[in-house]
Structures are given as C-alpha cells and as structure tokens.
Amino acid sequence: MTISRANVNASEKVAKAAFDLAGNKHSCAVFCGSGNNGGDGVAAARFLREMGMDVRAFLVGDRAKMT
C-alpha cells in the first residue's frame, strides 16, 4: 500500500487540530473506518502518539473492505 504525501499532510493536520482541541487532556480515541479515509485515521493516530498523546485506535467496519 502506498500513501501519498497529500494523505500524510492531511493526517498530520487533523492530528494537530485534535491535539490543540484536546487542551490539557493526554489521551484520545481514534475510530477508523474501512474505507480509504480509515488509513488517514491510523496515520493521524500515529502523529498524535508522536505528540505525546496516549492513543487508542479502533478499526471499525467490514474487515474484508479495509484498504
């Protein structure tokens, strides 16, 4: 699977916005669907973890349709 630079940039921006919204909270949950944007959620979760958040990522949806 290849991830475009645009997808990585979008995931990083979403993670930054979520981090800013979290304020003084240090944990979050990320729910990732089975479509193309599910991978963006996983990438955002990774960025949040790199920012110091305690992250739980949940893959939801039909496993056969996960891309």
N, C-alpha and C. Protein backbone atom coordinates (compact mmCIF):
# COMPACT_ATOMS: atom_id res chain seq x y z
N MET A 1 0.84 -1.17 0.00
CA MET A 1 0.00 0.00 0.00
C MET A 1 0.90 1.24 0.00
N THR A 2 0.58 2.20 -0.83
CA THR A 2 1.32 3.45 -0.85
C THR A 2 0.44 4.56 -0.29
N ILE A 3 1.07 5.47 0.40
CA ILE A 3 0.37 6.61 0.97
C ILE A 3 0.96 7.85 0.32
N SER A 4 0.09 8.68 -0.24
CA SER A 4 0.58 9.88 -0.91
C SER A 4 1.00 10.92 0.11
N ARG A 5 1.83 11.83 -0.32
CA ARG A 5 2.27 12.94 0.55
C ARG A 5 1.05 13.76 0.97
N ALA A 6 0.07 13.91 0.08
CA ALA A 6 -1.14 14.67 0.42
C ALA A 6 -1.89 14.01 1.57
N ASN A 7 -1.98 12.67 1.56
CA ASN A 7 -2.65 11.96 2.65
C ASN A 7 -1.90 12.14 3.97
N VAL A 8 -0.58 12.08 3.91
CA VAL A 8 0.22 12.26 5.11
C VAL A 8 0.04 13.67 5.64
N ASN A 9 0.07 14.67 4.76
CA ASN A 9 -0.13 16.05 5.18
C ASN A 9 -1.50 16.24 5.82
N ALA A 10 -2.53 15.67 5.22
CA ALA A 10 -3.88 15.79 5.77
C ALA A 10 -3.96 15.13 7.14
N SER A 11 -3.39 13.97 7.28
CA SER A 11 -3.40 13.26 8.56
C SER A 11 -2.68 14.05 9.63
N GLU A 12 -1.58 14.65 9.25
CA GLU A 12 -0.80 15.44 10.21
C GLU A 12 -1.59 16.68 10.66
N LYS A 13 -2.29 17.31 9.73
CA LYS A 13 -3.09 18.49 10.06
C LYS A 13 -4.27 18.12 10.96
N VAL A 14 -4.90 16.99 10.68
CA VAL A 14 -6.00 16.53 11.53
C VAL A 14 -5.48 16.23 12.93
N ALA A 15 -4.33 15.59 13.02
CA ALA A 15 -3.74 15.27 14.33
C ALA A 15 -3.42 16.55 15.09
N LYS A 16 -2.86 17.54 14.43
CA LYS A 16 -2.52 18.81 15.08
C LYS A 16 -3.78 19.49 15.59
N ALA A 17 -4.84 19.50 14.78
CA ALA A 17 -6.10 20.12 15.21
C ALA A 17 -6.69 19.38 16.42
N ALA A 18 -6.65 18.06 16.38
CA ALA A 18 -7.17 17.26 17.50
C ALA A 18 -6.34 17.51 18.76
N PHE A 19 -5.03 17.60 18.59
CA PHE A 19 -4.14 17.85 19.72
C PHE A 19 -4.46 19.21 20.35
N ASP A 20 -4.66 20.21 19.51
CA ASP A 20 -4.98 21.55 20.00
C ASP A 20 -6.33 21.57 20.72
N LEU A 21 -7.31 20.84 20.19
CA LEU A 21 -8.63 20.77 20.81
C LEU A 21 -8.61 20.02 22.13
N ALA A 22 -7.68 19.10 22.28
CA ALA A 22 -7.61 18.28 23.49
C ALA A 22 -7.24 19.10 24.72
N GLY A 23 -6.61 20.24 24.51
CA GLY A 23 -6.23 21.07 25.65
C GLY A 23 -5.28 20.34 26.57
N ASN A 24 -5.67 20.20 27.84
CA ASN A 24 -4.79 19.56 28.81
C ASN A 24 -5.04 18.06 28.94
N LYS A 25 -5.87 17.51 28.08
CA LYS A 25 -6.11 16.06 28.11
C LYS A 25 -4.94 15.35 27.41
N HIS A 26 -4.64 14.16 27.89
CA HIS A 26 -3.46 13.46 27.36
C HIS A 26 -3.79 12.14 26.69
N SER A 27 -5.07 11.86 26.50
CA SER A 27 -5.44 10.60 25.84
C SER A 27 -6.59 10.86 24.88
N CYS A 28 -6.69 9.98 23.89
CA CYS A 28 -7.78 10.12 22.92
C CYS A 28 -8.04 8.76 22.26
N ALA A 29 -9.18 8.68 21.62
CA ALA A 29 -9.55 7.51 20.82
C ALA A 29 -9.76 7.96 19.38
N VAL A 30 -9.29 7.16 18.46
CA VAL A 30 -9.46 7.43 17.04
C VAL A 30 -10.19 6.24 16.44
N PHE A 31 -11.33 6.49 15.82
CA PHE A 31 -12.11 5.43 15.18
C PHE A 31 -11.90 5.52 13.68
N CYS A 32 -11.40 4.45 13.09
CA CYS A 32 -11.02 4.41 11.68
C CYS A 32 -11.93 3.44 10.95
N GLY A 33 -12.58 3.94 9.91
CA GLY A 33 -13.49 3.10 9.12
C GLY A 33 -12.75 2.22 8.14
N SER A 34 -13.51 1.50 7.36
CA SER A 34 -12.91 0.53 6.43
C SER A 34 -12.61 1.11 5.06
N GLY A 35 -12.98 2.36 4.81
CA GLY A 35 -12.73 2.97 3.51
C GLY A 35 -11.35 3.60 3.42
N ASN A 36 -11.14 4.35 2.35
CA ASN A 36 -9.84 4.98 2.11
C ASN A 36 -9.42 5.91 3.24
N ASN A 37 -10.37 6.62 3.84
CA ASN A 37 -10.02 7.55 4.91
C ASN A 37 -9.66 6.85 6.21
N GLY A 38 -9.94 5.58 6.32
CA GLY A 38 -9.55 4.83 7.51
C GLY A 38 -8.04 4.84 7.72
N GLY A 39 -7.31 4.75 6.63
CA GLY A 39 -5.85 4.82 6.71
C GLY A 39 -5.38 6.18 7.18
N ASP A 40 -6.12 7.22 6.80
CA ASP A 40 -5.78 8.56 7.28
C ASP A 40 -5.97 8.64 8.79
N GLY A 41 -6.99 7.97 9.31
CA GLY A 41 -7.21 7.94 10.75
C GLY A 41 -6.09 7.25 11.48
N VAL A 42 -5.61 6.15 10.92
CA VAL A 42 -4.49 5.42 11.52
C VAL A 42 -3.24 6.31 11.52
N ALA A 43 -3.01 7.01 10.42
CA ALA A 43 -1.85 7.90 10.34
C ALA A 43 -1.99 9.05 11.34
N ALA A 44 -3.19 9.61 11.48
CA ALA A 44 -3.41 10.68 12.45
C ALA A 44 -3.15 10.17 13.87
N ALA A 45 -3.57 8.95 14.16
CA ALA A 45 -3.32 8.36 15.47
C ALA A 45 -1.82 8.26 15.72
N ARG A 46 -1.08 7.89 14.71
CA ARG A 46 0.38 7.81 14.85
C ARG A 46 0.97 9.18 15.17
N PHE A 47 0.52 10.21 14.46
CA PHE A 47 1.02 11.56 14.72
C PHE A 47 0.67 12.01 16.14
N LEU A 48 -0.55 11.70 16.59
CA LEU A 48 -0.95 12.06 17.94
C LEU A 48 -0.05 11.38 18.97
N ARG A 49 0.27 10.14 18.72
CA ARG A 49 1.17 9.41 19.64
C ARG A 49 2.54 10.06 19.66
N GLU A 50 3.02 10.46 18.50
CA GLU A 50 4.32 11.14 18.43
C GLU A 50 4.29 12.48 19.16
N MET A 51 3.11 13.10 19.29
CA MET A 51 2.96 14.36 20.01
C MET A 51 2.81 14.15 21.52
N GLY A 52 2.83 12.89 21.94
CA GLY A 52 2.79 12.59 23.36
C GLY A 52 1.44 12.16 23.90
N MET A 53 0.45 12.00 23.02
CA MET A 53 -0.88 11.56 23.46
C MET A 53 -0.88 10.05 23.67
N ASP A 54 -1.68 9.60 24.62
CA ASP A 54 -1.96 8.17 24.80
C ASP A 54 -3.14 7.88 23.87
N VAL A 55 -2.90 7.13 22.82
CA VAL A 55 -3.89 6.95 21.76
C VAL A 55 -4.39 5.51 21.71
N ARG A 56 -5.69 5.36 21.56
CA ARG A 56 -6.31 4.07 21.25
C ARG A 56 -6.95 4.21 19.88
N ALA A 57 -6.53 3.39 18.95
CA ALA A 57 -7.10 3.41 17.59
C ALA A 57 -7.98 2.18 17.43
N PHE A 58 -9.18 2.39 16.92
CA PHE A 58 -10.15 1.31 16.71
C PHE A 58 -10.46 1.22 15.22
N LEU A 59 -10.29 0.04 14.66
CA LEU A 59 -10.67 -0.21 13.28
C LEU A 59 -12.09 -0.75 13.29
N VAL A 60 -13.00 -0.04 12.66
CA VAL A 60 -14.40 -0.43 12.66
C VAL A 60 -14.87 -0.63 11.21
N GLY A 61 -15.77 -1.55 11.04
CA GLY A 61 -16.30 -1.82 9.71
C GLY A 61 -15.99 -3.25 9.29
N ASP A 62 -16.32 -3.52 8.06
CA ASP A 62 -16.15 -4.84 7.48
C ASP A 62 -14.66 -5.09 7.19
N ARG A 63 -14.08 -6.05 7.88
CA ARG A 63 -12.65 -6.34 7.72
C ARG A 63 -12.30 -6.61 6.25
N ALA A 64 -13.18 -7.25 5.51
CA ALA A 64 -12.90 -7.59 4.12
C ALA A 64 -12.79 -6.34 3.25
N LYS A 65 -13.37 -5.22 3.69
CA LYS A 65 -13.36 -4.00 2.89
C LYS A 65 -12.26 -3.03 3.31
N MET A 66 -11.47 -3.38 4.30
CA MET A 66 -10.42 -2.48 4.76
C MET A 66 -9.33 -2.39 3.70
N THR A 67 -8.92 -1.15 3.44
CA THR A 67 -7.91 -0.92 2.40
C THR A 67 -6.64 -0.39 3.01
